[in-house]
C-alpha cells in the first residue's frame, strides 16, 4: 500500500474511533445519554436537546455547576447550583439573594417564545453567582409565584438548585407536591453532570447560547 493510502486508512480508523469511543464508554455505566423534555433550563438547554452525561457529580461542587439530581420519585432533573452548604438563599422579585446580597442580573436581550400565560416574550438576563467561573444566562417571563422565596440556610451535605428558565422551573423553591425538589437537595441525590451535546441545533457545547 502506498504512503498516501496508509495515511487515508489511518485517518479513517481514527475518525471511526472518535465517533465510537464516547458511545463505547456508555457500556461501562460511567456515561449516559439523556434528552431534555421540558423548558425548565432554557436558554441553556432547549426542549429535545440530547446530552452525554458523566454519572458522577463534579468534585468539588461549585455555585453555577449544572447537575443531574434524583427528584425523589425516580426521575432525573437537571438544574443549576445556586447555593452550597451553609449558604443563605432567598429570592426577592426574581433576584437571588445569596448570603444577604443580591446576585446581579443584567439584561442582554429579549426573545420570542411559545405563547403561554406569561405571553410570548421573555427577558434574557446574564447572571453570575459568587465563585462561578463565567456568567450564565436565564429567562425571566414576568411575575410568578417563584419570584419570592423566603430565606433558607442550606444544610450540611445539601445544595440549593434553580432552573435557568426561572418562571417555568420546579426546583428547590417548590415542594414535592408542586413537582419541585422540596427544598435543598442532598448531595447523595446529585447523580451526575452534563458533558456535551450529541444532538442539538446551533450549539456545540454545554453552556453555549441557544440559536433562537
N, C-alpha and C. Protein backbone atom coordinates (compact mmCIF):
# COMPACT_ATOMS: atom_id res chain seq x y z
N UNK A 1 0.85 -1.20 0.00
CA UNK A 1 0.00 0.00 0.00
C UNK A 1 0.88 1.24 0.00
N UNK A 2 0.50 2.25 -0.77
CA UNK A 2 1.27 3.48 -0.85
C UNK A 2 1.20 4.24 0.46
N UNK A 3 2.13 5.21 0.63
CA UNK A 3 2.12 6.04 1.83
C UNK A 3 0.80 6.80 1.92
N UNK A 4 0.33 7.35 0.78
CA UNK A 4 -0.94 8.09 0.78
C UNK A 4 -2.08 7.20 1.21
N UNK A 5 -2.06 5.93 0.73
CA UNK A 5 -3.12 5.00 1.10
C UNK A 5 -3.11 4.70 2.57
N UNK A 6 -1.88 4.53 3.15
CA UNK A 6 -1.79 4.25 4.58
C UNK A 6 -2.27 5.43 5.41
N UNK A 7 -1.97 6.65 4.94
CA UNK A 7 -2.42 7.85 5.64
C UNK A 7 -3.94 7.92 5.65
N UNK A 8 -4.56 7.65 4.47
CA UNK A 8 -6.01 7.70 4.39
C UNK A 8 -6.65 6.63 5.26
N UNK A 9 -6.05 5.41 5.26
CA UNK A 9 -6.57 4.34 6.09
C UNK A 9 -6.47 4.70 7.56
N UNK A 10 -5.33 5.25 7.95
CA UNK A 10 -5.14 5.66 9.34
C UNK A 10 -6.12 6.74 9.74
N UNK A 11 -6.34 7.70 8.86
CA UNK A 11 -7.29 8.77 9.17
C UNK A 11 -8.69 8.22 9.32
N UNK A 12 -9.05 7.25 8.47
CA UNK A 12 -10.39 6.66 8.56
C UNK A 12 -10.58 5.91 9.86
N UNK A 13 -9.56 5.15 10.27
CA UNK A 13 -9.64 4.41 11.54
C UNK A 13 -9.76 5.38 12.70
N UNK A 14 -8.96 6.46 12.69
CA UNK A 14 -9.01 7.45 13.76
C UNK A 14 -10.39 8.09 13.83
N UNK A 15 -10.96 8.46 12.69
CA UNK A 15 -12.28 9.07 12.68
C UNK A 15 -13.32 8.12 13.26
N UNK A 16 -13.22 6.85 12.90
CA UNK A 16 -14.16 5.86 13.43
C UNK A 16 -14.03 5.74 14.93
N UNK A 17 -12.80 5.76 15.44
CA UNK A 17 -12.59 5.64 16.88
C UNK A 17 -13.15 6.85 17.61
N UNK A 18 -13.00 8.05 17.01
CA UNK A 18 -13.51 9.26 17.64
C UNK A 18 -15.02 9.18 17.76
N UNK A 19 -15.69 8.64 16.75
CA UNK A 19 -17.14 8.50 16.79
C UNK A 19 -17.57 7.42 17.78
N UNK A 20 -16.86 6.29 17.76
CA UNK A 20 -17.27 5.12 18.53
C UNK A 20 -16.94 5.27 20.01
N UNK A 21 -15.77 5.86 20.33
CA UNK A 21 -15.27 5.84 21.70
C UNK A 21 -16.26 6.38 22.73
N UNK A 22 -16.88 7.56 22.53
CA UNK A 22 -17.80 8.06 23.56
C UNK A 22 -18.97 7.11 23.81
N UNK A 23 -19.46 6.47 22.74
CA UNK A 23 -20.61 5.60 22.90
C UNK A 23 -20.21 4.24 23.45
N UNK A 24 -18.97 3.81 23.18
CA UNK A 24 -18.49 2.58 23.81
C UNK A 24 -18.39 2.76 25.31
N UNK A 25 -18.06 3.97 25.75
CA UNK A 25 -17.96 4.24 27.18
C UNK A 25 -19.31 4.11 27.88
N UNK A 26 -20.41 4.25 27.11
CA UNK A 26 -21.73 4.14 27.73
C UNK A 26 -21.94 2.76 28.33
N UNK A 27 -21.28 1.75 27.73
CA UNK A 27 -21.45 0.38 28.22
C UNK A 27 -20.87 0.20 29.61
N UNK A 28 -19.97 1.10 30.02
CA UNK A 28 -19.36 0.98 31.35
C UNK A 28 -20.29 1.49 32.44
N UNK A 29 -21.33 2.24 32.07
CA UNK A 29 -22.23 2.82 33.06
C UNK A 29 -21.73 4.15 33.60
N UNK A 30 -20.52 4.55 33.23
CA UNK A 30 -19.97 5.82 33.71
C UNK A 30 -20.62 7.00 33.01
N UNK A 31 -21.07 6.78 31.78
CA UNK A 31 -21.71 7.83 30.99
C UNK A 31 -23.08 7.36 30.54
N UNK A 32 -24.02 8.32 30.44
CA UNK A 32 -25.36 8.00 29.97
C UNK A 32 -25.86 9.10 29.03
N UNK A 33 -26.80 8.72 28.18
CA UNK A 33 -27.43 9.68 27.29
C UNK A 33 -28.75 10.14 27.89
N UNK A 34 -29.02 11.44 27.81
CA UNK A 34 -30.28 12.00 28.26
C UNK A 34 -30.81 12.97 27.21
N UNK A 35 -32.13 13.14 27.20
CA UNK A 35 -32.69 14.21 26.38
C UNK A 35 -33.45 15.16 27.30
N UNK A 36 -33.58 16.39 26.89
CA UNK A 36 -34.22 17.43 27.70
C UNK A 36 -35.70 17.48 27.34
N UNK A 37 -36.60 17.12 28.30
CA UNK A 37 -38.02 17.04 27.96
C UNK A 37 -38.82 18.31 28.21
N UNK A 38 -38.23 19.30 28.90
CA UNK A 38 -39.02 20.46 29.29
C UNK A 38 -38.24 21.76 29.05
N UNK A 39 -38.94 22.88 29.31
CA UNK A 39 -38.35 24.20 29.09
C UNK A 39 -37.64 24.74 30.33
N UNK A 40 -37.51 23.94 31.38
CA UNK A 40 -37.06 24.44 32.67
C UNK A 40 -35.64 25.00 32.66
N UNK A 41 -34.80 24.59 31.70
CA UNK A 41 -33.42 25.07 31.68
C UNK A 41 -33.12 25.95 30.47
N UNK A 42 -34.16 26.42 29.77
CA UNK A 42 -33.91 27.43 28.74
C UNK A 42 -33.29 28.67 29.38
N UNK A 43 -32.37 29.37 28.73
CA UNK A 43 -31.89 29.15 27.36
C UNK A 43 -30.69 28.21 27.25
N UNK A 44 -30.24 27.63 28.38
CA UNK A 44 -29.06 26.76 28.34
C UNK A 44 -29.35 25.47 27.60
N UNK A 45 -30.51 24.85 27.87
CA UNK A 45 -30.93 23.64 27.19
C UNK A 45 -32.31 23.85 26.60
N UNK A 46 -32.46 23.46 25.34
CA UNK A 46 -33.76 23.56 24.68
C UNK A 46 -34.47 22.21 24.76
N UNK A 47 -35.78 22.25 24.59
CA UNK A 47 -36.55 21.01 24.59
C UNK A 47 -36.07 20.12 23.45
N UNK A 48 -35.78 18.86 23.76
CA UNK A 48 -35.33 17.92 22.74
C UNK A 48 -33.82 17.81 22.61
N UNK A 49 -33.07 18.70 23.25
CA UNK A 49 -31.62 18.56 23.23
C UNK A 49 -31.22 17.21 23.80
N UNK A 50 -30.18 16.62 23.24
CA UNK A 50 -29.68 15.34 23.71
C UNK A 50 -28.25 15.53 24.20
N UNK A 51 -27.96 15.01 25.39
CA UNK A 51 -26.67 15.26 26.01
C UNK A 51 -26.04 13.98 26.52
N UNK A 52 -24.72 13.98 26.56
CA UNK A 52 -23.95 12.91 27.21
C UNK A 52 -23.61 13.40 28.61
N UNK A 53 -23.88 12.58 29.61
CA UNK A 53 -23.62 12.96 30.99
C UNK A 53 -22.66 11.98 31.65
N UNK A 54 -21.86 12.49 32.54
CA UNK A 54 -21.00 11.65 33.39
C UNK A 54 -21.76 11.36 34.66
N UNK A 55 -21.95 10.09 34.96
CA UNK A 55 -22.77 9.72 36.10
C UNK A 55 -21.97 9.69 37.40
N UNK A 56 -21.38 10.83 37.68
CA UNK A 56 -20.75 11.09 38.97
C UNK A 56 -20.71 12.61 39.11
N UNK A 57 -20.99 13.14 40.30
CA UNK A 57 -21.07 14.59 40.46
C UNK A 57 -19.69 15.23 40.34
N UNK A 58 -19.65 16.51 39.90
CA UNK A 58 -18.37 17.22 39.86
C UNK A 58 -17.76 17.30 41.26
N UNK A 59 -16.45 17.30 41.31
CA UNK A 59 -15.75 17.44 42.59
C UNK A 59 -14.67 18.50 42.45
N UNK A 60 -14.69 19.55 43.26
CA UNK A 60 -15.76 19.88 44.21
C UNK A 60 -16.94 20.50 43.47
N UNK A 61 -18.09 20.56 44.14
CA UNK A 61 -19.25 21.25 43.58
C UNK A 61 -19.10 22.75 43.79
N UNK A 62 -19.49 23.52 42.79
CA UNK A 62 -19.38 24.97 42.85
C UNK A 62 -20.72 25.60 42.48
N UNK A 63 -20.95 26.81 42.97
CA UNK A 63 -22.12 27.55 42.51
C UNK A 63 -22.02 27.74 41.00
N UNK A 64 -23.14 27.58 40.34
CA UNK A 64 -23.15 27.70 38.88
C UNK A 64 -23.01 26.38 38.15
N UNK A 65 -22.56 25.31 38.84
CA UNK A 65 -22.46 24.00 38.19
C UNK A 65 -23.86 23.50 37.82
N UNK A 66 -23.93 22.82 36.68
CA UNK A 66 -25.17 22.17 36.26
C UNK A 66 -25.07 20.69 36.63
N UNK A 67 -26.10 20.18 37.29
CA UNK A 67 -26.06 18.80 37.76
C UNK A 67 -27.37 18.09 37.47
N UNK A 68 -27.30 16.77 37.46
CA UNK A 68 -28.48 15.93 37.39
C UNK A 68 -28.78 15.43 38.79
N UNK A 69 -30.07 15.51 39.18
CA UNK A 69 -30.43 15.10 40.53
C UNK A 69 -31.66 14.20 40.49
N UNK A 70 -31.73 13.32 41.47
CA UNK A 70 -32.92 12.50 41.67
C UNK A 70 -33.98 13.37 42.34
N UNK A 71 -35.17 13.46 41.73
CA UNK A 71 -36.19 14.35 42.28
C UNK A 71 -37.01 13.70 43.39
N UNK A 72 -36.64 12.49 43.78
CA UNK A 72 -37.35 11.82 44.88
C UNK A 72 -38.37 10.81 44.42
N UNK A 73 -38.67 10.82 43.12
CA UNK A 73 -39.66 9.86 42.61
C UNK A 73 -39.06 8.97 41.53
N UNK A 74 -37.73 8.97 41.44
CA UNK A 74 -37.08 8.12 40.46
C UNK A 74 -36.74 8.83 39.16
N UNK A 75 -37.26 10.05 38.95
CA UNK A 75 -36.94 10.82 37.75
C UNK A 75 -35.72 11.69 37.99
N UNK A 76 -35.05 12.06 36.90
CA UNK A 76 -33.90 12.94 36.98
C UNK A 76 -34.29 14.35 36.57
N UNK A 77 -33.86 15.33 37.34
CA UNK A 77 -33.99 16.73 36.97
C UNK A 77 -32.59 17.26 36.69
N UNK A 78 -32.53 18.24 35.78
CA UNK A 78 -31.26 18.92 35.52
C UNK A 78 -31.42 20.37 35.94
N UNK A 79 -30.55 20.83 36.85
CA UNK A 79 -30.67 22.16 37.45
C UNK A 79 -29.28 22.75 37.66
N UNK A 80 -29.28 24.03 38.09
CA UNK A 80 -28.02 24.74 38.35
C UNK A 80 -27.88 24.98 39.86
N UNK A 81 -26.68 24.79 40.38
CA UNK A 81 -26.43 25.01 41.81
C UNK A 81 -26.38 26.51 42.09
N UNK A 82 -27.26 26.96 42.98
CA UNK A 82 -27.28 28.36 43.40
C UNK A 82 -26.71 28.53 44.80
N UNK A 83 -26.82 27.50 45.62
CA UNK A 83 -26.35 27.61 47.00
C UNK A 83 -25.63 26.35 47.46
N UNK A 84 -24.56 26.54 48.19
CA UNK A 84 -23.75 25.44 48.74
C UNK A 84 -24.06 25.28 50.23
N UNK A 85 -23.60 24.20 50.85
CA UNK A 85 -23.85 24.01 52.29
C UNK A 85 -23.43 25.24 53.09
N UNK A 86 -24.34 25.70 53.96
CA UNK A 86 -24.07 26.87 54.79
C UNK A 86 -24.52 28.17 54.19
N UNK A 87 -24.78 28.21 52.88
CA UNK A 87 -25.27 29.44 52.24
C UNK A 87 -26.70 29.75 52.68
N UNK A 88 -27.00 31.05 52.76
CA UNK A 88 -28.36 31.51 52.97
C UNK A 88 -28.91 31.98 51.62
N UNK A 89 -30.02 31.37 51.20
CA UNK A 89 -30.57 31.63 49.87
C UNK A 89 -32.01 32.11 49.99
N UNK A 90 -32.32 33.18 49.28
CA UNK A 90 -33.70 33.68 49.16
C UNK A 90 -33.87 34.19 47.74
N UNK A 91 -35.11 34.47 47.37
CA UNK A 91 -35.41 35.11 46.08
C UNK A 91 -36.37 36.25 46.36
N UNK A 92 -36.05 37.43 45.85
CA UNK A 92 -36.90 38.60 46.03
C UNK A 92 -37.08 39.29 44.68
N UNK A 93 -38.34 39.33 44.23
CA UNK A 93 -38.61 39.97 42.94
C UNK A 93 -37.88 39.33 41.78
N UNK A 94 -37.64 38.01 41.89
CA UNK A 94 -36.95 37.29 40.82
C UNK A 94 -35.44 37.34 40.91
N UNK A 95 -34.91 38.05 41.90
CA UNK A 95 -33.45 38.16 42.06
C UNK A 95 -33.01 37.26 43.21
N UNK A 96 -31.99 36.46 42.97
CA UNK A 96 -31.46 35.57 44.01
C UNK A 96 -30.70 36.41 45.04
N UNK A 97 -31.02 36.20 46.31
CA UNK A 97 -30.30 36.85 47.41
C UNK A 97 -29.45 35.79 48.08
N UNK A 98 -28.15 35.92 47.95
CA UNK A 98 -27.22 34.90 48.45
C UNK A 98 -26.41 35.49 49.61
N UNK A 99 -26.60 34.90 50.77
CA UNK A 99 -25.92 35.37 51.98
C UNK A 99 -26.13 36.87 52.21
N UNK A 100 -27.38 37.29 51.97
CA UNK A 100 -27.78 38.67 52.22
C UNK A 100 -27.50 39.64 51.10
N UNK A 101 -26.87 39.18 50.01
CA UNK A 101 -26.52 40.08 48.91
C UNK A 101 -27.19 39.63 47.62
N UNK A 102 -27.77 40.58 46.87
CA UNK A 102 -28.40 40.20 45.60
C UNK A 102 -27.36 39.78 44.57
N UNK A 103 -27.68 38.74 43.83
CA UNK A 103 -26.83 38.31 42.72
C UNK A 103 -27.18 39.19 41.52
N UNK A 104 -26.23 39.96 41.00
CA UNK A 104 -26.54 40.91 39.92
C UNK A 104 -27.10 40.22 38.68
N UNK A 105 -28.07 40.86 38.05
CA UNK A 105 -28.62 40.43 36.78
C UNK A 105 -28.52 41.59 35.79
N UNK A 106 -28.20 41.25 34.55
CA UNK A 106 -28.08 42.27 33.51
C UNK A 106 -28.83 41.79 32.27
N UNK A 107 -29.74 42.63 31.77
CA UNK A 107 -30.49 42.22 30.59
C UNK A 107 -29.61 42.26 29.36
N UNK A 108 -29.63 41.15 28.60
CA UNK A 108 -28.81 41.07 27.39
C UNK A 108 -29.67 40.94 26.14
N UNK A 109 -30.99 40.89 26.32
CA UNK A 109 -31.85 40.82 25.14
C UNK A 109 -33.26 40.42 25.51
N UNK A 110 -34.11 40.34 24.50
CA UNK A 110 -35.46 39.80 24.64
C UNK A 110 -35.65 38.75 23.54
N UNK A 111 -36.50 37.77 23.82
CA UNK A 111 -36.71 36.70 22.84
C UNK A 111 -38.17 36.31 22.78
N UNK A 112 -38.59 35.88 21.61
CA UNK A 112 -39.94 35.35 21.42
C UNK A 112 -39.94 33.89 21.82
N UNK A 113 -41.00 33.48 22.50
CA UNK A 113 -41.15 32.10 22.93
C UNK A 113 -42.56 31.64 22.62
N UNK A 114 -42.81 30.35 22.84
CA UNK A 114 -44.15 29.83 22.65
C UNK A 114 -45.11 30.56 23.60
N UNK A 115 -46.20 31.08 23.11
CA UNK A 115 -47.13 31.82 23.98
C UNK A 115 -47.68 30.94 25.10
N UNK A 116 -47.78 31.53 26.29
CA UNK A 116 -48.39 30.85 27.43
C UNK A 116 -49.02 31.91 28.33
N UNK A 117 -49.24 31.58 29.59
CA UNK A 117 -49.89 32.51 30.50
C UNK A 117 -49.07 33.79 30.70
N UNK A 118 -47.77 33.74 30.42
CA UNK A 118 -46.90 34.90 30.60
C UNK A 118 -46.80 35.75 29.34
N UNK A 119 -47.35 35.28 28.24
CA UNK A 119 -47.21 35.99 26.98
C UNK A 119 -46.26 35.25 26.04
N UNK A 120 -45.71 35.97 25.07
CA UNK A 120 -44.84 35.33 24.08
C UNK A 120 -43.45 35.94 24.01
N UNK A 121 -43.08 36.71 25.06
CA UNK A 121 -41.77 37.35 25.09
C UNK A 121 -41.15 37.18 26.47
N UNK A 122 -39.83 36.94 26.50
CA UNK A 122 -39.11 36.85 27.77
C UNK A 122 -37.90 37.79 27.72
N UNK A 123 -37.48 38.20 28.90
CA UNK A 123 -36.20 38.91 29.01
C UNK A 123 -35.10 37.88 29.18
N UNK A 124 -34.00 38.07 28.48
CA UNK A 124 -32.82 37.22 28.62
C UNK A 124 -31.82 37.97 29.49
N UNK A 125 -31.46 37.37 30.63
CA UNK A 125 -30.61 38.03 31.61
C UNK A 125 -29.30 37.28 31.80
N UNK A 126 -28.25 38.03 32.05
CA UNK A 126 -26.96 37.45 32.42
C UNK A 126 -26.83 37.49 33.94
N UNK A 127 -26.36 36.40 34.51
CA UNK A 127 -26.27 36.26 35.97
C UNK A 127 -25.00 35.48 36.28
N UNK A 128 -24.35 35.82 37.38
CA UNK A 128 -23.13 35.10 37.78
C UNK A 128 -23.08 34.98 39.29
N UNK A 129 -23.11 33.74 39.79
CA UNK A 129 -23.03 33.50 41.22
C UNK A 129 -21.61 33.72 41.72
N UNK A 130 -21.44 34.13 42.98
CA UNK A 130 -20.09 34.26 43.54
C UNK A 130 -19.30 32.95 43.39
N UNK A 131 -18.10 33.07 42.85
CA UNK A 131 -17.26 31.90 42.65
C UNK A 131 -17.47 31.21 41.33
N UNK A 132 -18.51 31.58 40.58
CA UNK A 132 -18.76 30.97 39.28
C UNK A 132 -17.76 31.50 38.27
N UNK A 133 -17.21 30.61 37.44
CA UNK A 133 -16.12 30.98 36.54
C UNK A 133 -16.54 32.01 35.50
N UNK A 134 -17.77 31.90 35.00
CA UNK A 134 -18.25 32.84 33.98
C UNK A 134 -19.76 32.97 34.11
N UNK A 135 -20.33 34.06 33.58
CA UNK A 135 -21.78 34.24 33.71
C UNK A 135 -22.56 33.18 32.95
N UNK A 136 -23.78 32.93 33.38
CA UNK A 136 -24.72 32.12 32.64
C UNK A 136 -25.93 33.00 32.33
N UNK A 137 -26.80 32.53 31.47
CA UNK A 137 -27.97 33.31 31.09
C UNK A 137 -29.25 32.61 31.52
N UNK A 138 -30.25 33.41 31.88
CA UNK A 138 -31.53 32.90 32.34
C UNK A 138 -32.65 33.60 31.60
N UNK A 139 -33.85 33.03 31.69
CA UNK A 139 -35.05 33.67 31.16
C UNK A 139 -35.88 34.22 32.31
N UNK A 140 -36.46 35.40 32.08
CA UNK A 140 -37.43 35.98 33.01
C UNK A 140 -38.68 36.30 32.22
N UNK A 141 -39.78 35.59 32.53
CA UNK A 141 -41.01 35.75 31.77
C UNK A 141 -41.94 36.78 32.37
N UNK A 142 -41.67 37.19 33.62
CA UNK A 142 -42.55 38.13 34.29
C UNK A 142 -42.83 37.68 35.71
N UNK A 143 -43.81 38.29 36.34
CA UNK A 143 -44.12 37.95 37.73
C UNK A 143 -44.66 36.54 37.83
N UNK A 144 -44.15 35.78 38.82
CA UNK A 144 -44.62 34.42 39.04
C UNK A 144 -44.49 34.09 40.52
N UNK A 145 -45.08 32.96 40.92
CA UNK A 145 -45.06 32.56 42.34
C UNK A 145 -43.64 32.27 42.81
N UNK A 146 -42.74 31.96 41.90
CA UNK A 146 -41.37 31.65 42.28
C UNK A 146 -40.48 32.87 42.42
N UNK A 147 -41.03 34.06 42.17
CA UNK A 147 -40.21 35.28 42.23
C UNK A 147 -39.85 35.67 43.66
N UNK A 148 -40.60 35.15 44.62
CA UNK A 148 -40.31 35.47 46.02
C UNK A 148 -40.26 34.17 46.82
N UNK A 149 -39.13 33.97 47.50
CA UNK A 149 -38.91 32.74 48.26
C UNK A 149 -38.20 33.12 49.55
N UNK A 150 -38.78 32.74 50.67
CA UNK A 150 -38.20 33.11 51.97
C UNK A 150 -36.83 32.44 52.18
N UNK A 151 -35.97 33.15 52.88
CA UNK A 151 -34.60 32.69 53.07
C UNK A 151 -34.53 31.34 53.78
N UNK A 152 -33.68 30.47 53.26
CA UNK A 152 -33.35 29.21 53.93
C UNK A 152 -31.84 29.10 54.02
N UNK A 153 -31.37 28.38 55.02
CA UNK A 153 -29.95 28.06 55.12
C UNK A 153 -29.75 26.65 54.59
N UNK A 154 -28.86 26.51 53.62
CA UNK A 154 -28.63 25.20 53.02
C UNK A 154 -27.93 24.30 54.04
N UNK A 155 -28.54 23.17 54.40
CA UNK A 155 -27.93 22.30 55.41
C UNK A 155 -26.62 21.69 54.93
N UNK A 156 -25.84 21.21 55.87
CA UNK A 156 -24.63 20.45 55.53
C UNK A 156 -25.02 19.26 54.66
N UNK A 157 -24.20 18.99 53.64
CA UNK A 157 -24.47 17.85 52.77
C UNK A 157 -25.58 18.07 51.78
N UNK A 158 -25.96 19.34 51.52
CA UNK A 158 -27.04 19.66 50.59
C UNK A 158 -26.62 20.79 49.66
N UNK A 159 -27.38 20.97 48.58
CA UNK A 159 -27.21 22.12 47.67
C UNK A 159 -28.60 22.66 47.33
N UNK A 160 -28.65 23.94 46.99
CA UNK A 160 -29.90 24.60 46.59
C UNK A 160 -29.85 24.77 45.08
N UNK A 161 -30.89 24.32 44.39
CA UNK A 161 -30.88 24.26 42.93
C UNK A 161 -31.98 25.13 42.32
N UNK A 162 -31.64 25.77 41.19
CA UNK A 162 -32.59 26.57 40.43
C UNK A 162 -32.52 26.19 38.96
N UNK A 163 -33.64 26.35 38.25
CA UNK A 163 -33.63 26.22 36.80
C UNK A 163 -33.33 27.56 36.16
N UNK A 164 -32.78 27.54 34.96
CA UNK A 164 -32.44 28.79 34.28
C UNK A 164 -33.67 29.50 33.73
N UNK A 165 -34.73 28.77 33.43
CA UNK A 165 -35.99 29.37 32.99
C UNK A 165 -36.80 29.61 34.26
N UNK A 166 -36.48 30.67 34.98
CA UNK A 166 -36.88 30.84 36.37
C UNK A 166 -38.39 30.77 36.62
N UNK A 167 -39.19 31.21 35.66
CA UNK A 167 -40.64 31.23 35.86
C UNK A 167 -41.30 29.94 35.38
N UNK A 168 -40.49 29.00 34.90
CA UNK A 168 -41.02 27.72 34.41
C UNK A 168 -40.20 26.55 34.94
N UNK A 169 -39.70 26.67 36.14
CA UNK A 169 -38.84 25.61 36.68
C UNK A 169 -39.32 25.17 38.05
N UNK A 170 -39.58 23.87 38.20
CA UNK A 170 -39.90 23.28 39.50
C UNK A 170 -38.58 22.84 40.13
N UNK A 171 -38.08 23.62 41.07
CA UNK A 171 -36.75 23.39 41.62
C UNK A 171 -36.79 23.44 43.14
N UNK A 172 -35.72 23.90 43.78
CA UNK A 172 -35.66 23.90 45.25
C UNK A 172 -36.63 24.89 45.89
N UNK A 173 -37.23 25.77 45.10
CA UNK A 173 -38.23 26.71 45.65
C UNK A 173 -39.57 26.06 45.89
N UNK A 174 -39.79 24.88 45.32
CA UNK A 174 -41.12 24.29 45.32
C UNK A 174 -41.13 22.92 45.99
N UNK A 175 -42.28 22.59 46.57
CA UNK A 175 -42.45 21.32 47.29
C UNK A 175 -42.56 20.15 46.31
N UNK A 176 -42.43 18.95 46.84
CA UNK A 176 -42.64 17.76 46.00
C UNK A 176 -44.07 17.74 45.46
N UNK A 177 -45.03 18.21 46.25
CA UNK A 177 -46.42 18.24 45.80
C UNK A 177 -46.60 19.18 44.61
N UNK A 178 -45.72 20.16 44.50
CA UNK A 178 -45.76 21.10 43.36
C UNK A 178 -44.82 20.65 42.25
N UNK A 179 -44.38 19.39 42.31
CA UNK A 179 -43.46 18.79 41.34
C UNK A 179 -42.05 19.34 41.46
N UNK A 180 -41.77 20.05 42.57
CA UNK A 180 -40.43 20.59 42.78
C UNK A 180 -39.52 19.63 43.52
N UNK A 181 -38.40 20.16 43.99
CA UNK A 181 -37.39 19.34 44.67
C UNK A 181 -37.55 19.35 46.18
N UNK A 182 -38.52 20.11 46.69
CA UNK A 182 -38.78 20.07 48.12
C UNK A 182 -37.72 20.73 48.97
N UNK A 183 -37.06 21.78 48.43
CA UNK A 183 -36.02 22.48 49.18
C UNK A 183 -34.62 22.03 48.76
N UNK A 184 -33.62 22.31 49.59
CA UNK A 184 -32.26 21.88 49.27
C UNK A 184 -32.19 20.37 49.06
N UNK A 185 -31.31 19.95 48.15
CA UNK A 185 -31.20 18.55 47.75
C UNK A 185 -29.94 17.94 48.36
N UNK A 186 -30.09 16.73 48.90
CA UNK A 186 -28.95 16.03 49.49
C UNK A 186 -27.91 15.70 48.42
N UNK A 187 -26.66 15.82 48.79
CA UNK A 187 -25.58 15.52 47.84
C UNK A 187 -25.66 14.08 47.35
N UNK A 188 -26.23 13.20 48.15
CA UNK A 188 -26.37 11.80 47.72
C UNK A 188 -27.35 11.66 46.57
N UNK A 189 -28.20 12.69 46.35
CA UNK A 189 -29.14 12.67 45.22
C UNK A 189 -28.59 13.37 43.99
N UNK A 190 -27.38 13.95 44.10
CA UNK A 190 -26.72 14.53 42.92
C UNK A 190 -26.03 13.39 42.19
N UNK A 191 -26.52 13.07 41.00
CA UNK A 191 -26.09 11.84 40.33
C UNK A 191 -25.08 12.04 39.22
N UNK A 192 -24.97 13.24 38.67
CA UNK A 192 -24.06 13.41 37.56
C UNK A 192 -24.05 14.82 37.04
N UNK A 193 -23.38 15.00 35.89
CA UNK A 193 -23.25 16.33 35.28
C UNK A 193 -23.18 16.18 33.77
N UNK A 194 -23.79 17.12 33.02
CA UNK A 194 -23.72 17.06 31.55
C UNK A 194 -22.32 17.38 31.07
N UNK A 195 -21.91 16.67 30.01
CA UNK A 195 -20.59 16.90 29.42
C UNK A 195 -20.69 17.67 28.11
N UNK A 196 -21.50 17.16 27.18
CA UNK A 196 -21.62 17.84 25.89
C UNK A 196 -22.90 17.39 25.20
N UNK A 197 -23.33 18.19 24.24
CA UNK A 197 -24.47 17.82 23.41
C UNK A 197 -24.01 16.76 22.41
N UNK A 198 -24.87 15.77 22.15
CA UNK A 198 -24.60 14.92 20.99
C UNK A 198 -25.65 15.12 19.90
N UNK A 199 -26.69 15.91 20.22
CA UNK A 199 -27.63 16.36 19.18
C UNK A 199 -28.29 17.63 19.66
N UNK A 200 -28.17 18.69 18.86
CA UNK A 200 -28.85 19.94 19.15
C UNK A 200 -28.77 20.81 17.91
N UNK A 201 -29.41 21.96 17.95
CA UNK A 201 -29.38 22.88 16.82
C UNK A 201 -28.69 24.16 17.23
N UNK A 202 -27.59 24.47 16.57
CA UNK A 202 -26.95 25.77 16.74
C UNK A 202 -26.04 25.90 17.93
N UNK A 203 -25.75 24.78 18.65
CA UNK A 203 -24.84 24.85 19.79
C UNK A 203 -23.86 23.68 19.71
N UNK A 204 -22.73 23.82 20.36
CA UNK A 204 -21.70 22.80 20.25
C UNK A 204 -21.26 22.25 21.60
N UNK A 205 -21.48 22.99 22.67
CA UNK A 205 -21.09 22.51 23.99
C UNK A 205 -22.04 23.06 25.03
N UNK A 206 -22.10 22.38 26.16
CA UNK A 206 -22.98 22.83 27.23
C UNK A 206 -22.59 24.24 27.65
N UNK A 207 -23.58 25.11 27.71
CA UNK A 207 -23.31 26.50 28.10
C UNK A 207 -23.33 27.45 26.92
N UNK A 208 -23.17 26.93 25.67
CA UNK A 208 -23.31 27.81 24.52
C UNK A 208 -24.73 28.36 24.49
N UNK A 209 -24.89 29.57 24.02
CA UNK A 209 -26.23 30.15 23.96
C UNK A 209 -27.02 29.51 22.85
N UNK A 210 -28.33 29.46 23.03
CA UNK A 210 -29.21 28.87 22.05
C UNK A 210 -29.30 29.75 20.82
N UNK A 211 -29.43 29.12 19.67
CA UNK A 211 -29.52 29.88 18.44
C UNK A 211 -30.93 30.26 18.09
N UNK A 212 -31.64 30.96 19.02
CA UNK A 212 -33.03 31.35 18.77
C UNK A 212 -33.05 32.59 17.90
